């Protein structure tokens, strides 16, 4: 779509077409105009456009993440958490917290599982009931984001294009979510709860063609674990 827009822009504004030999005596930079317009158009992609491109163009993914929490005064609370995030649209995902406290969150397309090994406790919910207005819907859901969120442009900050997402379901656990996109893909996610706490997640090394194990999006409660429905 970006190329089509650029073709239209070049033809309407300059009257030339890509591939046409420039007239004799013309500016030597003339031939670079279409390329520069293409680059400028790509660079000016809005946050909403990049969100739509991420959802429609990234079917699978794996990334490392670092998560920090700030209180209402903007001060850090606790140690930063690190781990990996994997997803396969629609509705399958896996958050694996490695440090400082291990935890596993798995969505298998039908059920949401949360495993806390320190407590030996598993929480289980139906995915169809718990995904609609949650952060997981923005990261691993389908193209119908407007069903669960009110979306608007969030401006440019820290060299990222931002999208503001307000959950339509008040039971989602968060009042406000922001997604920050870099030149390549999703780079940040910020979630604010009703108490003013902000969870900030930085994504690194996103692999858009990962090879998943057969049990990546499958979870079986460990023997002896308490399962809460």
Protein backbone atom coordinates (compact mmCIF):
# COMPACT_ATOMS: atom_id res chain seq x y z
CA UNK A 1 0.00 0.00 0.00
CA UNK A 2 2.87 2.35 0.72
CA UNK A 3 4.22 1.89 -2.81
CA UNK A 4 0.81 2.58 -4.36
CA UNK A 5 0.47 5.80 -2.37
CA UNK A 6 3.93 6.88 -3.39
CA UNK A 7 3.19 6.21 -7.07
CA UNK A 8 0.10 8.39 -6.78
CA UNK A 9 2.03 11.10 -4.98
CA UNK A 10 4.84 11.10 -7.53
CA UNK A 11 2.45 11.24 -10.47
CA UNK A 12 0.23 13.95 -9.02
CA UNK A 13 2.93 16.22 -7.64
CA UNK A 14 5.75 15.90 -10.13
CA UNK A 15 4.14 14.48 -13.24
CA UNK A 16 6.82 11.80 -13.58
CA UNK A 17 6.76 8.04 -13.17
CA UNK A 18 9.29 5.70 -11.64
CA UNK A 19 11.45 4.20 -14.37
CA UNK A 20 11.05 7.08 -16.86
CA UNK A 21 14.36 8.48 -18.10
CA UNK A 22 14.85 12.04 -16.76
CA UNK A 23 14.94 14.80 -19.37
CA UNK A 24 18.30 16.08 -20.52
CA UNK A 25 19.65 18.88 -18.40
CA UNK A 26 17.48 17.97 -15.42
CA UNK A 27 18.66 18.04 -11.83
CA UNK A 28 20.92 15.01 -11.16
CA UNK A 29 18.89 14.29 -8.00
CA UNK A 30 15.72 13.95 -10.11
CA UNK A 31 16.01 10.18 -10.32
CA UNK A 32 16.17 9.80 -6.53
CA UNK A 33 12.88 11.60 -5.93
CA UNK A 34 10.65 8.47 -6.01
CA UNK A 35 13.02 6.61 -3.67
CA UNK A 36 13.15 9.50 -1.21
CA UNK A 37 9.38 9.78 -1.27
CA UNK A 38 9.07 6.08 -0.54
CA UNK A 39 11.42 6.37 2.41
CA UNK A 40 9.68 9.46 3.74
CA UNK A 41 6.28 7.84 3.47
CA UNK A 42 7.48 4.76 5.35
CA UNK A 43 9.09 6.90 8.06
CA UNK A 44 5.88 8.89 8.54
CA UNK A 45 3.69 5.84 9.17
CA UNK A 46 1.44 6.62 12.10
CA UNK A 47 1.15 4.59 15.26
CA UNK A 48 -2.25 3.22 14.24
CA UNK A 49 -0.91 2.21 10.84
CA UNK A 50 2.01 0.41 12.45
CA UNK A 51 -0.31 -1.34 14.89
CA UNK A 52 -2.46 -2.59 12.01
CA UNK A 53 0.64 -3.70 10.12
CA UNK A 54 1.90 -5.53 13.22
CA UNK A 55 -1.40 -7.35 13.76
CA UNK A 56 -2.02 -8.24 10.11
CA UNK A 57 1.58 -8.86 9.07
CA UNK A 58 3.07 -10.66 12.07
CA UNK A 59 1.35 -14.01 12.43
CA UNK A 60 3.96 -15.50 14.78
CA UNK A 61 6.64 -14.01 16.97
CA UNK A 62 9.13 -14.47 19.74
CA UNK A 63 10.87 -11.70 21.70
CA UNK A 64 12.79 -11.11 24.89
CA UNK A 65 11.35 -8.60 27.30
CA UNK A 66 12.24 -6.51 30.34
CA UNK A 67 9.40 -5.41 32.60
CA UNK A 68 9.50 -2.65 35.21
CA UNK A 69 6.81 -1.19 37.47
CA UNK A 70 6.45 2.45 38.51
CA UNK A 71 4.20 3.73 41.29
CA UNK A 72 1.86 6.72 41.00
CA UNK A 73 4.82 9.03 41.80
CA UNK A 74 6.89 7.56 38.98
CA UNK A 75 9.31 5.70 41.26
CA UNK A 76 10.40 2.13 40.49
CA UNK A 77 8.84 -0.64 42.56
CA UNK A 78 10.68 -3.93 42.97
CA UNK A 79 13.25 -5.44 40.67
CA UNK A 80 12.91 -5.58 36.90
CA UNK A 81 11.56 -8.84 35.48
CA UNK A 82 12.95 -10.52 32.38
CA UNK A 83 11.78 -13.33 30.18
CA UNK A 84 10.46 -14.32 26.76
CA UNK A 85 7.17 -13.73 24.98
CA UNK A 86 5.88 -15.96 22.17
CA UNK A 87 2.65 -15.75 20.20
CA UNK A 88 0.76 -17.30 17.31
CA UNK A 89 -2.39 -15.56 16.10
CA UNK A 90 -5.14 -15.75 16.91
CA UNK A 91 -5.17 -16.25 20.66
CA UNK A 92 -2.11 -18.38 21.37
CA UNK A 93 0.69 -16.94 23.47
CA UNK A 94 3.22 -17.73 26.16
CA UNK A 95 4.84 -15.37 28.68
CA UNK A 96 7.78 -17.00 30.43
CA UNK A 97 9.16 -14.98 33.33
CA UNK A 98 12.66 -16.12 34.21
CA UNK A 99 13.79 -13.65 36.89
CA UNK A 100 13.58 -12.57 39.59
CA UNK A 101 10.52 -14.79 40.14
CA UNK A 102 9.57 -17.52 37.63
CA UNK A 103 6.03 -17.54 36.29
CA UNK A 104 4.39 -18.99 33.17
CA UNK A 105 1.32 -17.60 31.40
CA UNK A 106 -0.06 -19.67 28.52
CA UNK A 107 -3.00 -19.07 26.21
CA UNK A 108 -3.71 -22.19 24.15
CA UNK A 109 -6.53 -20.70 22.07
CA UNK A 110 -9.24 -21.88 24.46
CA UNK A 111 -7.86 -21.64 27.99
CA UNK A 112 -5.68 -19.16 29.84
CA UNK A 113 -3.24 -20.78 32.29
CA UNK A 114 -1.17 -18.95 34.91
CA UNK A 115 1.42 -21.07 36.74
CA UNK A 116 3.17 -19.76 39.85
CA UNK A 117 5.79 -22.36 40.84
CA UNK A 118 6.62 -20.64 44.14
CA UNK A 119 3.01 -21.03 45.30
CA UNK A 120 2.52 -24.33 43.44
CA UNK A 121 -0.67 -22.77 42.11
CA UNK A 122 -2.35 -22.77 38.68
CA UNK A 123 -5.10 -20.32 37.73
CA UNK A 124 -7.32 -21.35 34.82
CA UNK A 125 -9.83 -19.23 32.84
CA UNK A 126 -11.66 -19.54 29.55
CA UNK A 127 -9.70 -17.57 26.98
CA UNK A 128 -12.78 -16.30 25.15
CA UNK A 129 -13.92 -14.62 28.36
CA UNK A 130 -10.60 -13.13 29.37
CA UNK A 131 -8.88 -11.95 26.16
CA UNK A 132 -11.14 -9.31 24.61
CA UNK A 133 -9.88 -6.12 26.33
CA UNK A 134 -6.63 -7.43 27.80
CA UNK A 135 -3.05 -6.62 26.69
CA UNK A 136 -2.85 -10.13 25.21
CA UNK A 137 -5.54 -9.16 22.69
CA UNK A 138 -3.33 -6.34 21.40
CA UNK A 139 -0.30 -8.61 21.11
CA UNK A 140 -1.77 -11.95 20.03
CA UNK A 141 -5.36 -11.26 19.02
CA UNK A 142 -6.97 -10.90 15.60
CA UNK A 143 -7.70 -7.82 13.49
CA UNK A 144 -10.87 -6.87 15.40
CA UNK A 145 -9.08 -4.74 17.98
CA UNK A 146 -11.77 -2.05 17.94
CA UNK A 147 -14.18 -4.51 19.56
CA UNK A 148 -12.16 -4.49 22.76
CA UNK A 149 -10.46 -1.10 22.67
CA UNK A 150 -10.90 2.54 21.80
CA UNK A 151 -7.77 3.29 19.74
CA UNK A 152 -6.20 6.66 18.95
CA UNK A 153 -2.87 8.14 17.97
CA UNK A 154 -0.48 8.61 20.89
CA UNK A 155 2.07 10.87 19.18
CA UNK A 156 5.82 10.49 18.93
CA UNK A 157 8.03 10.05 22.00
CA UNK A 158 11.46 8.49 22.54
CA UNK A 159 11.73 7.98 18.76
CA UNK A 160 8.64 5.72 18.81
CA UNK A 161 5.19 6.07 17.24
CA UNK A 162 2.63 5.48 20.00
CA UNK A 163 -0.94 4.19 20.08
CA UNK A 164 -3.27 4.84 23.02
CA UNK A 165 -5.65 1.96 23.74
CA UNK A 166 -8.48 2.27 26.27
CA UNK A 167 -10.13 -1.06 27.19
CA UNK A 168 -13.90 -1.07 26.69
CA UNK A 169 -14.29 -3.75 29.33
CA UNK A 170 -13.74 -2.25 32.78
CA UNK A 171 -12.84 -5.71 34.13
CA UNK A 172 -9.68 -5.92 32.02
CA UNK A 173 -7.49 -4.89 34.97
CA UNK A 174 -6.03 -1.82 33.24
CA UNK A 175 -7.42 1.64 32.56
CA UNK A 176 -5.00 2.64 29.83
CA UNK A 177 -2.51 0.88 27.52
CA UNK A 178 0.12 2.43 25.26
CA UNK A 179 1.99 0.67 22.46
CA UNK A 180 5.22 2.10 21.05
CA UNK A 181 6.42 1.11 17.57
CA UNK A 182 9.89 1.58 16.15
CA UNK A 183 10.92 1.40 12.51
CA UNK A 184 10.73 -2.41 12.45
CA UNK A 185 8.02 -3.48 14.88
CA UNK A 186 6.65 -3.26 18.40
CA UNK A 187 9.21 -1.97 20.89
CA UNK A 188 7.32 -0.96 24.06
CA UNK A 189 4.10 -1.53 25.95
CA UNK A 190 2.91 0.53 28.93
CA UNK A 191 -0.06 -0.46 31.08
CA UNK A 192 -1.66 1.73 33.74
CA UNK A 193 -4.00 0.38 36.41
CA UNK A 194 -6.64 2.15 38.49
CA UNK A 195 -4.12 2.83 41.27
CA UNK A 196 -1.81 4.81 39.02
CA UNK A 197 0.83 2.10 38.73
CA UNK A 198 2.47 1.78 35.34
CA UNK A 199 3.96 -1.44 34.01
CA UNK A 200 6.50 -0.81 31.26
CA UNK A 201 7.60 -3.66 28.97
CA UNK A 202 10.48 -3.35 26.51
CA UNK A 203 10.65 -5.92 23.73
CA UNK A 204 13.97 -6.89 22.17
CA UNK A 205 15.16 -9.20 19.39
CA UNK A 206 11.74 -9.85 17.89
CA UNK A 207 11.83 -12.93 15.66
CA UNK A 208 8.90 -12.93 13.22
CA UNK A 209 9.57 -16.45 11.96
CA UNK A 210 10.23 -18.51 15.08
CA UNK A 211 10.13 -22.28 15.23
CA UNK A 212 7.88 -23.33 18.10
CA UNK A 213 8.07 -26.55 20.07
CA UNK A 214 5.02 -28.83 20.05
CA UNK A 215 4.20 -27.83 23.64
CA UNK A 216 4.89 -24.09 23.40
CA UNK A 217 1.19 -23.20 23.62
CA UNK A 218 0.13 -26.20 25.64
CA UNK A 219 0.05 -26.40 29.45
CA UNK A 220 -0.59 -29.29 31.78
CA UNK A 221 -0.80 -28.49 35.53
CA UNK A 222 2.11 -30.10 37.41
CA UNK A 223 1.25 -32.96 39.73
CA UNK A 224 0.25 -31.76 43.16
CA UNK A 225 -0.45 -28.15 42.07
CA UNK A 226 -3.54 -26.35 43.30
CA UNK A 227 -5.78 -25.47 40.33
CA UNK A 228 -8.08 -22.47 40.71
CA UNK A 229 -10.98 -22.07 38.26
